Amino acid sequence: MTAVPKLKTLRSEPYKAFIREHPCLKCGNPNTVAAHFPIIPGASDFWCIPLCDACYKGLHADKCFLNERIYPVHLTTDRWVLVEIIRLRDEWEARCQHERKLEMLRFDKG
């Protein structure tokens, strides 16, 4: 029998910094942390959402987000959060592509 390979958890400090640039998804506070959603062990940094300290602590304290229970992603009832995660990833990808183009222009001039 062959062993099932362990999946690598993706980590990205630049992506988490990008997430912290956005206001809290729950209350709109501009001071945020990059919180993993849903709360599952080993979640990739690319599942982070911006939450202020108070909302983040509330999320961990009662496992409740906007009066709905937190479930693994395939069972989540917070579909709007998943849509927001996808929107943030698209924005991140667009920023990365723009930065790559700028880098290529700098390279061409040098």
C-alpha atoms as a PDB file:
ATOM      1  CA  MET A   1       0.000   0.000   0.000  1.00  0.00           C
ATOM      2  CA  THR A   2       1.345   3.454  -0.893  1.00  0.00           C
ATOM      3  CA  ALA A   3       1.271   6.323   1.560  1.00  0.00           C
ATOM      4  CA  VAL A   4      -0.919   9.302   0.806  1.00  0.00           C
ATOM      5  CA  PRO A   5       1.315  12.364   0.407  1.00  0.00           C
ATOM      6  CA  LYS A   6       0.774  15.127   2.944  1.00  0.00           C
ATOM      7  CA  LEU A   7      -0.568  18.332   1.397  1.00  0.00           C
ATOM      8  CA  LYS A   8       1.655  21.358   1.859  1.00  0.00           C
ATOM      9  CA  THR A   9       0.005  24.315   3.563  1.00  0.00           C
ATOM     10  CA  LEU A  10       0.548  27.427   1.453  1.00  0.00           C
ATOM     11  CA  ARG A  11       1.968  30.379   3.380  1.00  0.00           C
ATOM     12  CA  SER A  12       2.378  33.906   2.022  1.00  0.00           C
ATOM     13  CA  GLU A  13       3.300  36.886   4.201  1.00  0.00           C
ATOM     14  CA  PRO A  14       2.844  39.299   1.239  1.00  0.00           C
ATOM     15  CA  TYR A  15      -0.712  37.989   0.732  1.00  0.00           C
ATOM     16  CA  LYS A  16      -1.539  38.373   4.432  1.00  0.00           C
ATOM     17  CA  ALA A  17      -0.185  41.955   4.325  1.00  0.00           C
ATOM     18  CA  PHE A  18      -2.455  42.577   1.318  1.00  0.00           C
ATOM     19  CA  ILE A  19      -5.450  41.218   3.287  1.00  0.00           C
ATOM     20  CA  ARG A  20      -4.653  43.549   6.211  1.00  0.00           C
ATOM     21  CA  GLU A  21      -4.956  46.532   3.821  1.00  0.00           C
ATOM     22  CA  HIS A  22      -8.726  45.875   3.645  1.00  0.00           C
ATOM     23  CA  PRO A  23     -11.395  46.810   6.239  1.00  0.00           C
ATOM     24  CA  CYS A  24     -13.003  44.238   8.507  1.00  0.00           C
ATOM     25  CA  LEU A  25     -15.608  42.187   6.637  1.00  0.00           C
ATOM     26  CA  LYS A  26     -17.930  42.172   9.628  1.00  0.00           C
ATOM     27  CA  CYS A  27     -17.828  45.735  11.015  1.00  0.00           C
ATOM     28  CA  GLY A  28     -15.761  47.811   8.543  1.00  0.00           C
ATOM     29  CA  ASN A  29     -12.979  48.715  11.012  1.00  0.00           C
ATOM     30  CA  PRO A  30      -9.872  49.674   8.973  1.00  0.00           C
ATOM     31  CA  ASN A  31      -7.440  48.060  11.479  1.00  0.00           C
ATOM     32  CA  THR A  32      -7.465  44.364  10.618  1.00  0.00           C
ATOM     33  CA  VAL A  33      -5.645  41.073  10.916  1.00  0.00           C
ATOM     34  CA  ALA A  34      -5.516  38.315   8.318  1.00  0.00           C
ATOM     35  CA  ALA A  35      -7.837  35.692   9.817  1.00  0.00           C
ATOM     36  CA  HIS A  36      -8.096  32.186   8.368  1.00  0.00           C
ATOM     37  CA  PHE A  37     -11.621  31.258   7.322  1.00  0.00           C
ATOM     38  CA  PRO A  38     -13.035  28.786   7.957  1.00  0.00           C
ATOM     39  CA  ILE A  39     -11.337  27.870  11.193  1.00  0.00           C
ATOM     40  CA  ILE A  40      -9.720  24.592  10.209  1.00  0.00           C
ATOM     41  CA  PRO A  41      -6.255  23.369  11.156  1.00  0.00           C
ATOM     42  CA  GLY A  42      -3.650  23.877   8.453  1.00  0.00           C
ATOM     43  CA  ALA A  43      -5.712  26.312   6.365  1.00  0.00           C
ATOM     44  CA  SER A  44      -3.779  28.018   3.590  1.00  0.00           C
ATOM     45  CA  ASP A  45      -3.013  31.732   3.910  1.00  0.00           C
ATOM     46  CA  PHE A  46      -5.036  32.128   0.728  1.00  0.00           C
ATOM     47  CA  TRP A  47      -8.184  31.456   2.818  1.00  0.00           C
ATOM     48  CA  CYS A  48      -7.608  34.583   4.928  1.00  0.00           C
ATOM     49  CA  ILE A  49     -10.167  37.343   5.364  1.00  0.00           C
ATOM     50  CA  PRO A  50      -9.699  40.780   6.953  1.00  0.00           C
ATOM     51  CA  LEU A  51     -11.161  40.992  10.477  1.00  0.00           C
ATOM     52  CA  CYS A  52     -10.560  43.548  13.231  1.00  0.00           C
ATOM     53  CA  ASP A  53      -9.273  42.272  16.591  1.00  0.00           C
ATOM     54  CA  ALA A  54     -12.727  42.336  18.209  1.00  0.00           C
ATOM     55  CA  CYS A  55     -14.427  40.401  15.394  1.00  0.00           C
ATOM     56  CA  TYR A  56     -11.503  37.963  15.205  1.00  0.00           C
ATOM     57  CA  LYS A  57     -11.711  37.267  18.943  1.00  0.00           C
ATOM     58  CA  GLY A  58     -15.484  36.864  18.662  1.00  0.00           C
ATOM     59  CA  LEU A  59     -15.019  34.412  15.815  1.00  0.00           C
ATOM     60  CA  HIS A  60     -12.754  32.242  17.966  1.00  0.00           C
ATOM     61  CA  ALA A  61     -14.748  32.690  21.188  1.00  0.00           C
ATOM     62  CA  ASP A  62     -18.115  31.412  20.035  1.00  0.00           C
ATOM     63  CA  LYS A  63     -17.383  29.911  16.589  1.00  0.00           C
ATOM     64  CA  CYS A  64     -20.047  32.227  15.220  1.00  0.00           C
ATOM     65  CA  PHE A  65     -19.777  34.683  12.333  1.00  0.00           C
ATOM     66  CA  LEU A  66     -22.720  36.947  11.628  1.00  0.00           C
ATOM     67  CA  ASN A  67     -24.980  34.604  13.624  1.00  0.00           C
ATOM     68  CA  GLU A  68     -24.129  31.605  11.436  1.00  0.00           C
ATOM     69  CA  ARG A  69     -22.040  28.634  12.483  1.00  0.00           C
ATOM     70  CA  ILE A  70     -18.559  28.121  11.111  1.00  0.00           C
ATOM     71  CA  TYR A  71     -18.194  24.902   9.132  1.00  0.00           C
ATOM     72  CA  PRO A  72     -15.495  23.453   6.909  1.00  0.00           C
ATOM     73  CA  VAL A  73     -15.555  25.131   3.514  1.00  0.00           C
ATOM     74  CA  HIS A  74     -17.646  22.467   1.774  1.00  0.00           C
ATOM     75  CA  LEU A  75     -20.404  22.908   4.359  1.00  0.00           C
ATOM     76  CA  THR A  76     -20.276  26.656   4.950  1.00  0.00           C
ATOM     77  CA  THR A  77     -23.449  28.687   5.000  1.00  0.00           C
ATOM     78  CA  ASP A  78     -21.475  31.941   4.762  1.00  0.00           C
ATOM     79  CA  ARG A  79     -21.414  31.941   0.964  1.00  0.00           C
ATOM     80  CA  TRP A  80     -20.836  35.696   0.792  1.00  0.00           C
ATOM     81  CA  VAL A  81     -17.534  35.192   2.654  1.00  0.00           C
ATOM     82  CA  LEU A  82     -16.437  32.693  -0.002  1.00  0.00           C
ATOM     83  CA  VAL A  83     -17.361  35.226  -2.703  1.00  0.00           C
ATOM     84  CA  GLU A  84     -15.285  37.849  -0.866  1.00  0.00           C
ATOM     85  CA  ILE A  85     -12.313  35.461  -0.629  1.00  0.00           C
ATOM     86  CA  ILE A  86     -12.488  34.914  -4.391  1.00  0.00           C
ATOM     87  CA  ARG A  87     -12.752  38.682  -4.992  1.00  0.00           C
ATOM     88  CA  LEU A  88      -9.683  39.288  -2.811  1.00  0.00           C
ATOM     89  CA  ARG A  89      -7.718  36.570  -4.648  1.00  0.00           C
ATOM     90  CA  ASP A  90      -8.656  38.111  -8.018  1.00  0.00           C
ATOM     91  CA  GLU A  91      -7.550  41.546  -6.784  1.00  0.00           C
ATOM     92  CA  TRP A  92      -4.273  40.011  -5.526  1.00  0.00           C
ATOM     93  CA  GLU A  93      -3.642  38.294  -8.862  1.00  0.00           C
ATOM     94  CA  ALA A  94      -4.286  41.539 -10.757  1.00  0.00           C
ATOM     95  CA  ARG A  95      -1.835  43.370  -8.485  1.00  0.00           C
ATOM     96  CA  CYS A  96       0.802  40.668  -8.986  1.00  0.00           C
ATOM     97  CA  GLN A  97       0.383  40.787 -12.766  1.00  0.00           C
ATOM     98  CA  HIS A  98       0.734  44.581 -12.723  1.00  0.00           C
ATOM     99  CA  GLU A  99       3.910  44.341 -10.603  1.00  0.00           C
ATOM    100  CA  ARG A 100       5.350  41.701 -12.972  1.00  0.00           C
ATOM    101  CA  LYS A 101       4.704  44.011 -15.939  1.00  0.00           C
ATOM    102  CA  LEU A 102       6.439  46.887 -14.139  1.00  0.00           C
ATOM    103  CA  GLU A 103       9.381  44.629 -13.327  1.00  0.00           C
ATOM    104  CA  MET A 104       9.639  43.572 -16.973  1.00  0.00           C
ATOM    105  CA  LEU A 105       9.660  47.242 -18.038  1.00  0.00           C
ATOM    106  CA  ARG A 106      12.447  47.998 -15.551  1.00  0.00           C
ATOM    107  CA  PHE A 107      14.367  44.960 -16.823  1.00  0.00           C
ATOM    108  CA  ASP A 108      13.952  46.059 -20.463  1.00  0.00           C
ATOM    109  CA  LYS A 109      15.272  49.554 -19.680  1.00  0.00           C
ATOM    110  CA  GLY A 110      18.272  48.243 -17.729  1.00  0.00           C
END
